Amino acid sequence: MRLPTHRRRRRVGRRLASNGWCVMSITADVEVLAAIGPRVRKSPFWDDTVQAGLSAVSSYNHMWLPMSYGDADEEYRLLTEAVTIWDVAAQRHVAVRGPDADSIVQYVTAIDASKIDVGIAAYAPMVDHHGVLINDPILFHVDVDEWHFSIADADIRLWIDAIARERGADCSVTELDTVTLALQGPLAEAVMSDLGVDVDGMNDLEQRSATIDGLDVMVSRSGWSTQGGYEIFLDDPRHASRLWTAVASAGQAHGIGPAAPNPSERIENVLLSYGTDTGYHANPLELGLGDTIDLDHDDFVGRDALRRIRDAGPERRLLGVVIDGPRRDTLPHPVPISSGATTLGELRAAAWSPRFAVNLGLALVDRDVEPGSTGRAEPPSGACELTFVELPFEEPLPGHDR
């Protein structure tokens, strides 16, 4: 099923298919290309995304993750007003199975996993022995003695397996071939209904088995946006294109279009991106994740370190920033924020916000930085003044009353 492609840079999509090069990132004047080869895996949906006009990718869990189809404004509109189809096969699944699966899952996560019933999932931050966040997966309780981690961009299988082996646990830890197709946007439920999937009354992070075009799948009410939607898990990647075609066909009547994790929408609504927003030396407490972890249940990796951080108070905090000036490009890498000669922290992510009609960002800064104070940064798009604000973003924003 060929979806309508966005007009801008369809030439790039053809180049993806013809000679193995793809656009990795775009600046004002330069296209940076990367060769497609076996070191980084192609998604089972690769050919479908190329045909849909794929124009930019990123490496995520050793797999190419679609990032754009050439028109950021149209992708945002589809996500917030209609419905979008995402290839998120790079969101890999790690399975822990066996008699000791429950105890190992409990030990490697900073939550009380015993509260997660079979058929339900939860956000499950994971930290190392120093309390540093190393992944923030969604944890699915699939069956008795079986759990699946839907992971962010880090080799968590190696971590969990090493801990399980060191503890002599009776369980297996494997990366699954499961591929994920996301359906995101306010019309996602209507598309699922047209596919014959019963999603009536589904709670957030609830799972249900379903059949789509004769394929057995698992459906979860989840996804990396706040616009509502579902993730469809297919265990046999050989049928990925068939699943894509079925979902795209059902979505035609609802104006479906191809899209990807959207930097503007996720910053507007403060969906944390592991690595991008956090770096690789941050703990959950300074990232504002204190309400997602449980420091009072049985021992887990990093518990004592997190308790010490809690008692002393985290040294940094995550704040929002409102950035002055006209529309800017998405921030390609973190940049320092300063006030005079004092470095306050880092601007970790930034993007234009269609919702607020201003440039917004997320900053990891010293704990003494207060909302309402100002700073200066020099991203590639040019030096800018910014104002710190509490999260989540709410109107009126400083200097941008509407």
Protein backbone atom coordinates (compact mmCIF):
# COMPACT_ATOMS: atom_id res chain seq x y z
CA MET A 1 0.00 0.00 0.00
CA ARG A 2 1.62 3.26 -1.11
CA LEU A 3 0.78 6.09 1.26
CA PRO A 4 0.66 9.70 0.08
CA THR A 5 4.19 11.05 0.38
CA HIS A 6 5.02 14.55 1.53
CA ARG A 7 6.21 16.67 -1.37
CA ARG A 8 9.43 17.99 0.07
CA ARG A 9 12.55 15.94 -0.67
CA ARG A 10 10.86 12.88 -2.15
CA ARG A 11 14.07 12.66 -4.20
CA VAL A 12 15.80 11.50 -1.02
CA GLY A 13 13.37 8.63 -0.61
CA ARG A 14 14.20 7.39 -4.09
CA ARG A 15 17.90 7.61 -3.31
CA LEU A 16 17.36 5.47 -0.23
CA ALA A 17 16.01 2.72 -2.43
CA SER A 18 18.46 3.03 -5.31
CA ASN A 19 21.98 3.22 -3.98
CA GLY A 20 21.99 2.57 -0.25
CA TRP A 21 22.62 6.11 0.95
CA CYS A 22 20.32 7.89 3.36
CA VAL A 23 20.09 11.36 4.83
CA MET A 24 21.17 11.22 8.47
CA SER A 25 20.81 14.90 9.35
CA ILE A 26 20.14 18.19 7.65
CA THR A 27 21.65 21.60 8.31
CA ALA A 28 20.90 24.81 6.48
CA ASP A 29 23.40 24.07 3.72
CA VAL A 30 24.66 20.51 4.05
CA GLU A 31 23.16 17.06 3.67
CA VAL A 32 25.09 14.50 5.72
CA LEU A 33 24.84 11.00 4.28
CA ALA A 34 25.42 7.55 5.73
CA ALA A 35 25.83 4.25 3.93
CA ILE A 36 23.33 1.51 4.68
CA GLY A 37 25.16 -1.71 5.52
CA PRO A 38 24.99 -4.77 7.78
CA ARG A 39 26.50 -3.07 10.85
CA VAL A 40 23.17 -1.35 11.52
CA ARG A 41 20.09 -3.44 10.81
CA LYS A 42 17.24 -2.49 8.53
CA SER A 43 13.78 -2.62 9.99
CA PRO A 44 11.46 -5.27 8.54
CA PHE A 45 9.31 -2.28 7.51
CA TRP A 46 12.24 -0.69 5.62
CA ASP A 47 10.90 -1.06 2.09
CA ASP A 48 7.48 0.21 3.16
CA THR A 49 8.94 3.33 4.75
CA VAL A 50 11.09 4.04 1.70
CA GLN A 51 8.06 3.77 -0.55
CA ALA A 52 6.22 6.12 1.80
CA GLY A 53 8.87 8.82 1.27
CA LEU A 54 11.36 8.23 4.08
CA SER A 55 13.89 11.07 4.10
CA ALA A 56 15.85 10.84 7.38
CA VAL A 57 16.86 8.08 9.78
CA SER A 58 18.79 7.64 13.00
CA SER A 59 20.55 4.63 14.49
CA TYR A 60 18.62 3.23 17.46
CA ASN A 61 19.35 -0.11 19.12
CA HIS A 62 21.56 -1.04 16.17
CA MET A 63 18.68 -0.53 13.72
CA TRP A 64 17.68 2.33 11.43
CA LEU A 65 14.81 4.30 12.96
CA PRO A 66 12.78 6.58 10.64
CA MET A 67 12.95 10.20 11.76
CA SER A 68 11.24 12.15 8.97
CA TYR A 69 9.32 11.90 5.74
CA GLY A 70 10.38 15.35 4.57
CA ASP A 71 7.74 17.74 5.92
CA ALA A 72 7.84 18.39 9.66
CA ASP A 73 4.77 20.64 9.63
CA GLU A 74 2.63 18.06 7.83
CA GLU A 75 3.79 15.24 10.09
CA TYR A 76 2.90 17.33 13.16
CA ARG A 77 -0.52 18.15 11.69
CA LEU A 78 -1.26 14.51 10.94
CA LEU A 79 -0.18 13.45 14.43
CA THR A 80 -2.26 16.06 16.25
CA GLU A 81 -5.30 16.22 13.96
CA ALA A 82 -5.59 12.87 12.18
CA VAL A 83 -3.56 9.66 12.42
CA THR A 84 -0.03 8.52 11.63
CA ILE A 85 1.73 5.21 11.05
CA TRP A 86 5.21 4.76 12.55
CA ASP A 87 7.88 2.15 12.03
CA VAL A 88 9.31 1.71 15.52
CA ALA A 89 10.81 -1.75 15.06
CA ALA A 90 14.02 -0.28 16.53
CA GLN A 91 12.16 -0.21 19.83
CA ARG A 92 13.50 -3.68 20.57
CA HIS A 93 11.95 -6.18 22.98
CA VAL A 94 13.97 -8.08 25.58
CA ALA A 95 12.25 -11.10 27.12
CA VAL A 96 12.96 -12.50 30.59
CA ARG A 97 11.42 -15.95 31.04
CA GLY A 98 11.65 -18.66 33.69
CA PRO A 99 11.03 -19.48 37.35
CA ASP A 100 13.24 -16.59 38.53
CA ALA A 101 12.00 -14.06 35.98
CA ASP A 102 9.94 -12.13 38.54
CA SER A 103 12.83 -11.72 40.96
CA ILE A 104 15.29 -10.64 38.26
CA VAL A 105 12.86 -8.12 36.78
CA GLN A 106 12.29 -6.75 40.27
CA TYR A 107 16.03 -6.49 40.91
CA VAL A 108 16.92 -4.61 37.70
CA THR A 109 14.09 -2.05 37.79
CA ALA A 110 13.52 0.88 40.14
CA ILE A 111 9.80 0.15 40.52
CA ASP A 112 7.73 -2.37 42.43
CA ALA A 113 7.13 -4.85 39.62
CA SER A 114 4.97 -7.04 41.87
CA LYS A 115 2.14 -4.54 41.34
CA ILE A 116 2.04 -5.18 37.57
CA ASP A 117 -0.60 -7.76 36.74
CA VAL A 118 -0.38 -10.07 33.73
CA GLY A 119 -1.63 -8.18 30.67
CA ILE A 120 -0.56 -4.81 32.05
CA ALA A 121 2.58 -2.72 31.51
CA ALA A 122 4.38 0.04 33.39
CA TYR A 123 7.08 2.63 32.88
CA ALA A 124 10.14 1.06 34.51
CA PRO A 125 13.30 3.20 34.86
CA MET A 126 16.52 1.20 35.29
CA VAL A 127 19.67 2.50 36.96
CA ASP A 128 23.20 1.27 37.53
CA HIS A 129 24.87 0.80 40.90
CA HIS A 130 25.54 4.56 41.12
CA GLY A 131 21.90 5.45 40.52
CA VAL A 132 22.53 6.63 36.95
CA LEU A 133 19.66 6.06 34.54
CA ILE A 134 20.65 3.44 31.97
CA ASN A 135 17.28 2.89 30.27
CA ASP A 136 13.63 3.78 30.72
CA PRO A 137 11.69 0.94 29.11
CA ILE A 138 8.05 0.04 29.14
CA LEU A 139 7.80 -3.25 31.02
CA PHE A 140 5.10 -5.66 29.87
CA HIS A 141 3.97 -8.51 32.13
CA VAL A 142 3.16 -10.91 29.32
CA ASP A 143 2.44 -14.11 31.23
CA VAL A 144 3.30 -15.98 34.40
CA ASP A 145 7.11 -15.97 34.66
CA GLU A 146 7.44 -13.90 31.47
CA TRP A 147 8.22 -10.22 31.03
CA HIS A 148 9.08 -8.12 27.99
CA PHE A 149 11.07 -4.89 28.12
CA SER A 150 10.33 -2.48 25.27
CA ILE A 151 13.60 -0.63 25.48
CA ALA A 152 15.11 2.77 24.81
CA ASP A 153 18.43 3.05 22.98
CA ALA A 154 20.82 0.96 25.11
CA ASP A 155 22.02 -2.65 25.23
CA ILE A 156 19.91 -3.67 28.20
CA ARG A 157 19.82 -7.36 27.25
CA LEU A 158 23.52 -7.60 28.10
CA TRP A 159 22.97 -5.86 31.44
CA ILE A 160 20.03 -8.00 32.53
CA ASP A 161 21.64 -11.23 31.37
CA ALA A 162 24.90 -10.48 33.20
CA ILE A 163 23.04 -9.76 36.44
CA ALA A 164 20.91 -12.89 36.07
CA ARG A 165 23.99 -15.06 35.50
CA GLU A 166 25.87 -13.51 38.44
CA ARG A 167 22.90 -14.21 40.72
CA GLY A 168 22.52 -17.77 39.45
CA ALA A 169 18.96 -17.06 38.36
CA ASP A 170 16.91 -19.69 36.58
CA CYS A 171 15.71 -17.62 33.64
CA SER A 172 16.56 -16.78 30.05
CA VAL A 173 17.21 -13.28 28.73
CA THR A 174 16.80 -12.87 24.97
CA GLU A 175 16.19 -10.20 22.38
CA LEU A 176 13.02 -11.01 20.47
CA ASP A 177 12.34 -10.64 16.76
CA THR A 178 9.12 -8.83 17.66
CA VAL A 179 8.54 -5.74 15.52
CA THR A 180 6.42 -2.78 16.54
CA LEU A 181 4.15 -0.67 14.37
CA ALA A 182 2.70 2.41 16.04
CA LEU A 183 -0.60 4.05 15.18
CA GLN A 184 -0.67 7.52 16.75
CA GLY A 185 -3.13 10.39 16.62
CA PRO A 186 -6.72 11.24 17.59
CA LEU A 187 -8.17 9.03 14.83
CA ALA A 188 -6.12 5.95 15.78
CA GLU A 189 -9.07 4.30 17.51
CA ALA A 190 -11.20 4.66 14.38
CA VAL A 191 -8.51 2.93 12.31
CA MET A 192 -8.27 0.09 14.83
CA SER A 193 -12.04 -0.31 14.67
CA ASP A 194 -11.90 -0.55 10.87
CA LEU A 195 -9.23 -3.23 11.27
CA GLY A 196 -11.65 -5.22 13.39
CA VAL A 197 -9.62 -4.81 16.57
CA ASP A 198 -11.63 -4.34 19.76
CA VAL A 199 -9.98 -1.52 21.70
CA ASP A 200 -13.11 -0.36 23.47
CA GLY A 201 -12.39 0.55 27.07
CA MET A 202 -8.66 -0.17 26.88
CA ASN A 203 -6.66 1.50 29.61
CA ASP A 204 -3.27 3.07 29.07
CA LEU A 205 -0.58 0.36 28.76
CA GLU A 206 -3.16 -2.43 28.66
CA GLN A 207 -2.50 -5.27 26.19
CA ARG A 208 -4.90 -7.37 24.15
CA SER A 209 -4.39 -10.11 21.61
CA ALA A 210 -5.87 -9.44 18.18
CA THR A 211 -5.83 -10.54 14.56
CA ILE A 212 -5.06 -8.15 11.69
CA ASP A 213 -5.28 -9.47 8.14
CA GLY A 214 -4.94 -12.99 9.48
CA LEU A 215 -1.84 -12.12 11.53
CA ASP A 216 -1.77 -12.80 15.26
CA VAL A 217 -0.62 -9.65 17.04
CA MET A 218 -0.59 -8.08 20.46
CA VAL A 219 -2.02 -4.57 20.78
CA SER A 220 -1.11 -2.11 23.52
CA ARG A 221 -2.61 1.28 24.22
CA SER A 222 0.71 3.06 24.18
CA GLY A 223 3.15 4.99 22.02
CA TRP A 224 5.63 7.83 22.17
CA SER A 225 3.18 10.69 21.78
CA THR A 226 0.41 12.24 23.86
CA GLN A 227 -2.12 12.23 21.03
CA GLY A 228 -3.57 8.81 21.81
CA GLY A 229 -2.85 5.63 19.94
CA TYR A 230 -1.69 2.06 19.92
CA GLU A 231 1.36 -0.09 19.36
CA ILE A 232 0.97 -3.32 17.42
CA PHE A 233 3.46 -6.09 18.20
CA LEU A 234 4.12 -8.74 15.56
CA ASP A 235 6.30 -11.68 16.56
CA ASP A 236 7.07 -12.86 13.01
CA PRO A 237 8.96 -10.10 11.14
CA ARG A 238 8.53 -11.94 7.83
CA HIS A 239 4.99 -10.58 7.71
CA ALA A 240 5.88 -6.99 8.62
CA SER A 241 5.07 -5.56 5.19
CA ARG A 242 1.70 -7.30 5.22
CA LEU A 243 0.90 -5.68 8.57
CA TRP A 244 2.01 -2.25 7.33
CA THR A 245 -0.18 -2.58 4.23
CA ALA A 246 -3.23 -3.64 6.23
CA VAL A 247 -2.93 -0.75 8.69
CA ALA A 248 -2.15 1.81 5.97
CA SER A 249 -5.13 0.64 3.91
CA ALA A 250 -7.50 0.87 6.87
CA GLY A 251 -6.19 4.35 7.61
CA GLN A 252 -6.81 5.77 4.16
CA ALA A 253 -10.38 6.77 5.02
CA HIS A 254 -9.05 8.69 8.02
CA GLY A 255 -6.26 10.59 6.25
CA ILE A 256 -3.39 8.48 7.57
CA GLY A 257 0.16 9.47 6.73
CA PRO A 258 3.66 8.21 7.51
CA ALA A 259 5.45 9.82 10.43
CA ALA A 260 7.96 9.20 13.21
CA PRO A 261 8.65 10.21 16.80
CA ASN A 262 8.00 13.95 16.63
CA PRO A 263 10.47 16.29 18.35
CA SER A 264 8.03 19.20 18.60
CA GLU A 265 5.11 17.24 20.02
CA ARG A 266 7.21 15.32 22.51
CA ILE A 267 9.00 18.45 23.84
CA GLU A 268 5.69 20.34 24.12
CA ASN A 269 4.40 17.51 26.30
CA VAL A 270 7.70 16.61 28.02
CA LEU A 271 8.10 13.04 26.82
CA LEU A 272 11.58 12.23 28.05
CA SER A 273 14.04 10.92 25.46
CA TYR A 274 16.71 8.72 27.03
CA GLY A 275 20.15 9.88 25.93
CA THR A 276 18.89 13.01 24.18
CA ASP A 277 17.49 14.74 27.26
CA THR A 278 19.29 12.79 29.92
CA GLY A 279 22.80 12.27 28.62
CA TYR A 280 24.43 9.21 30.15
CA HIS A 281 25.27 10.48 33.63
CA ALA A 282 21.90 11.61 35.01
CA ASN A 283 19.80 10.02 37.72
CA PRO A 284 15.99 9.76 37.79
CA LEU A 285 15.61 12.23 40.66
CA GLU A 286 17.27 15.13 38.85
CA LEU A 287 15.25 14.28 35.74
CA GLY A 288 11.97 14.71 37.59
CA LEU A 289 11.20 10.98 37.60
CA GLY A 290 10.94 10.63 41.35
CA ASP A 291 7.24 9.81 41.16
CA THR A 292 7.90 6.91 38.77
CA ILE A 293 10.29 4.97 41.02
CA ASP A 294 9.86 3.24 44.36
CA LEU A 295 12.73 3.50 46.83
CA ASP A 296 10.89 1.70 49.63
CA HIS A 297 10.44 -1.80 48.24
CA ASP A 298 12.91 -4.70 48.28
CA ASP A 299 16.49 -4.24 47.15
CA PHE A 300 17.23 -3.42 43.51
CA VAL A 301 20.30 -2.30 41.58
CA GLY A 302 21.07 1.30 42.55
CA ARG A 303 18.52 1.59 45.37
CA ASP A 304 20.99 2.67 48.05
CA ALA A 305 22.63 5.18 45.70
CA LEU A 306 19.24 6.71 44.86
CA ARG A 307 18.35 6.92 48.54
CA ARG A 308 21.55 8.87 49.20
CA ILE A 309 20.77 11.22 46.31
CA ARG A 310 17.22 11.68 47.60
CA ASP A 311 18.40 12.48 51.11
CA ALA A 312 21.08 14.95 49.95
CA GLY A 313 18.98 16.40 47.17
CA PRO A 314 19.87 16.03 43.47
CA GLU A 315 22.59 18.35 42.18
CA ARG A 316 20.77 19.17 38.95
CA ARG A 317 17.21 19.62 37.72
CA LEU A 318 15.37 19.38 34.42
CA LEU A 319 13.68 22.62 33.41
CA GLY A 320 11.91 23.87 30.34
CA VAL A 321 13.23 26.81 28.37
CA VAL A 322 11.55 29.34 26.12
CA ILE A 323 13.98 30.43 23.41
CA ASP A 324 13.76 33.87 21.85
CA GLY A 325 13.63 34.73 18.18
CA PRO A 326 12.12 33.22 15.03
CA ARG A 327 11.65 29.54 14.32
CA ARG A 328 14.83 27.51 14.76
CA ASP A 329 15.96 24.10 13.59
CA THR A 330 15.78 21.12 15.93
CA LEU A 331 18.85 21.08 18.18
CA PRO A 332 21.39 18.59 16.73
CA HIS A 333 23.47 18.26 19.92
CA PRO A 334 23.56 19.62 23.48
CA VAL A 335 25.06 23.08 24.06
CA PRO A 336 26.12 24.87 27.26
CA ILE A 337 23.87 27.46 28.88
CA SER A 338 25.56 30.33 30.66
CA SER A 339 24.80 33.49 32.56
CA GLY A 340 27.75 35.83 32.31
CA ALA A 341 30.83 33.78 33.15
CA THR A 342 28.82 31.11 34.98
CA THR A 343 27.85 27.87 33.26
CA LEU A 344 24.35 26.89 34.37
CA GLY A 345 24.03 23.55 32.58
CA GLU A 346 23.12 22.25 29.15
CA LEU A 347 20.38 22.79 26.64
CA ARG A 348 19.68 19.14 25.84
CA ALA A 349 16.89 19.39 23.26
CA ALA A 350 14.99 22.12 21.44
CA ALA A 351 12.44 22.44 18.67
CA TRP A 352 9.83 24.80 17.28
CA SER A 353 6.46 24.39 18.98
CA PRO A 354 3.44 24.77 16.68
CA ARG A 355 1.17 24.59 19.72
CA PHE A 356 2.78 27.52 21.55
CA ALA A 357 4.21 29.26 18.44
CA VAL A 358 7.62 29.58 20.05
CA ASN A 359 10.90 27.68 20.30
CA LEU A 360 10.92 25.37 23.33
CA GLY A 361 13.66 23.29 24.89
CA LEU A 362 14.62 21.03 27.76
CA ALA A 363 17.62 21.93 29.91
CA LEU A 364 19.52 19.95 32.53
CA VAL A 365 20.88 22.63 34.86
CA ASP A 366 22.29 23.28 38.32
CA ARG A 367 19.73 22.82 41.08
CA ASP A 368 19.99 26.50 42.06
CA VAL A 369 18.67 27.70 38.68
CA GLU A 370 15.17 29.06 39.23
CA PRO A 371 12.22 29.31 36.85
CA GLY A 372 11.96 32.86 35.56
CA SER A 373 15.73 33.34 35.38
CA THR A 374 17.48 33.69 32.04
CA GLY A 375 20.53 32.35 30.26
CA ARG A 376 22.30 32.31 26.94
CA ALA A 377 23.21 29.47 24.58
CA GLU A 378 24.91 29.18 21.21
CA PRO A 379 23.34 26.37 19.17
CA PRO A 380 24.29 25.94 15.49
CA SER A 381 21.26 28.04 14.51
CA GLY A 382 22.80 31.04 16.27
CA ALA A 383 23.18 32.54 19.74
CA CYS A 384 19.96 32.93 21.69
CA GLU A 385 18.56 34.17 24.95
CA LEU A 386 16.34 31.80 26.88
CA THR A 387 14.08 31.87 29.91
CA PHE A 388 13.73 28.93 32.30
CA VAL A 389 10.24 27.67 33.12
CA GLU A 390 8.75 24.88 35.22
CA LEU A 391 7.61 21.73 33.48
CA PRO A 392 5.16 20.94 32.01
CA PHE A 393 4.92 23.90 29.65
CA GLU A 394 1.81 25.98 30.26
CA GLU A 395 0.46 29.22 28.85
CA PRO A 396 1.20 32.02 29.22
CA LEU A 397 4.88 31.46 28.51
CA PRO A 398 7.38 34.23 29.36
CA GLY A 399 7.38 36.96 26.73
CA HIS A 400 4.93 35.08 24.53
CA ASP A 401 1.49 35.93 25.89
CA ARG A 402 -1.17 35.18 23.34
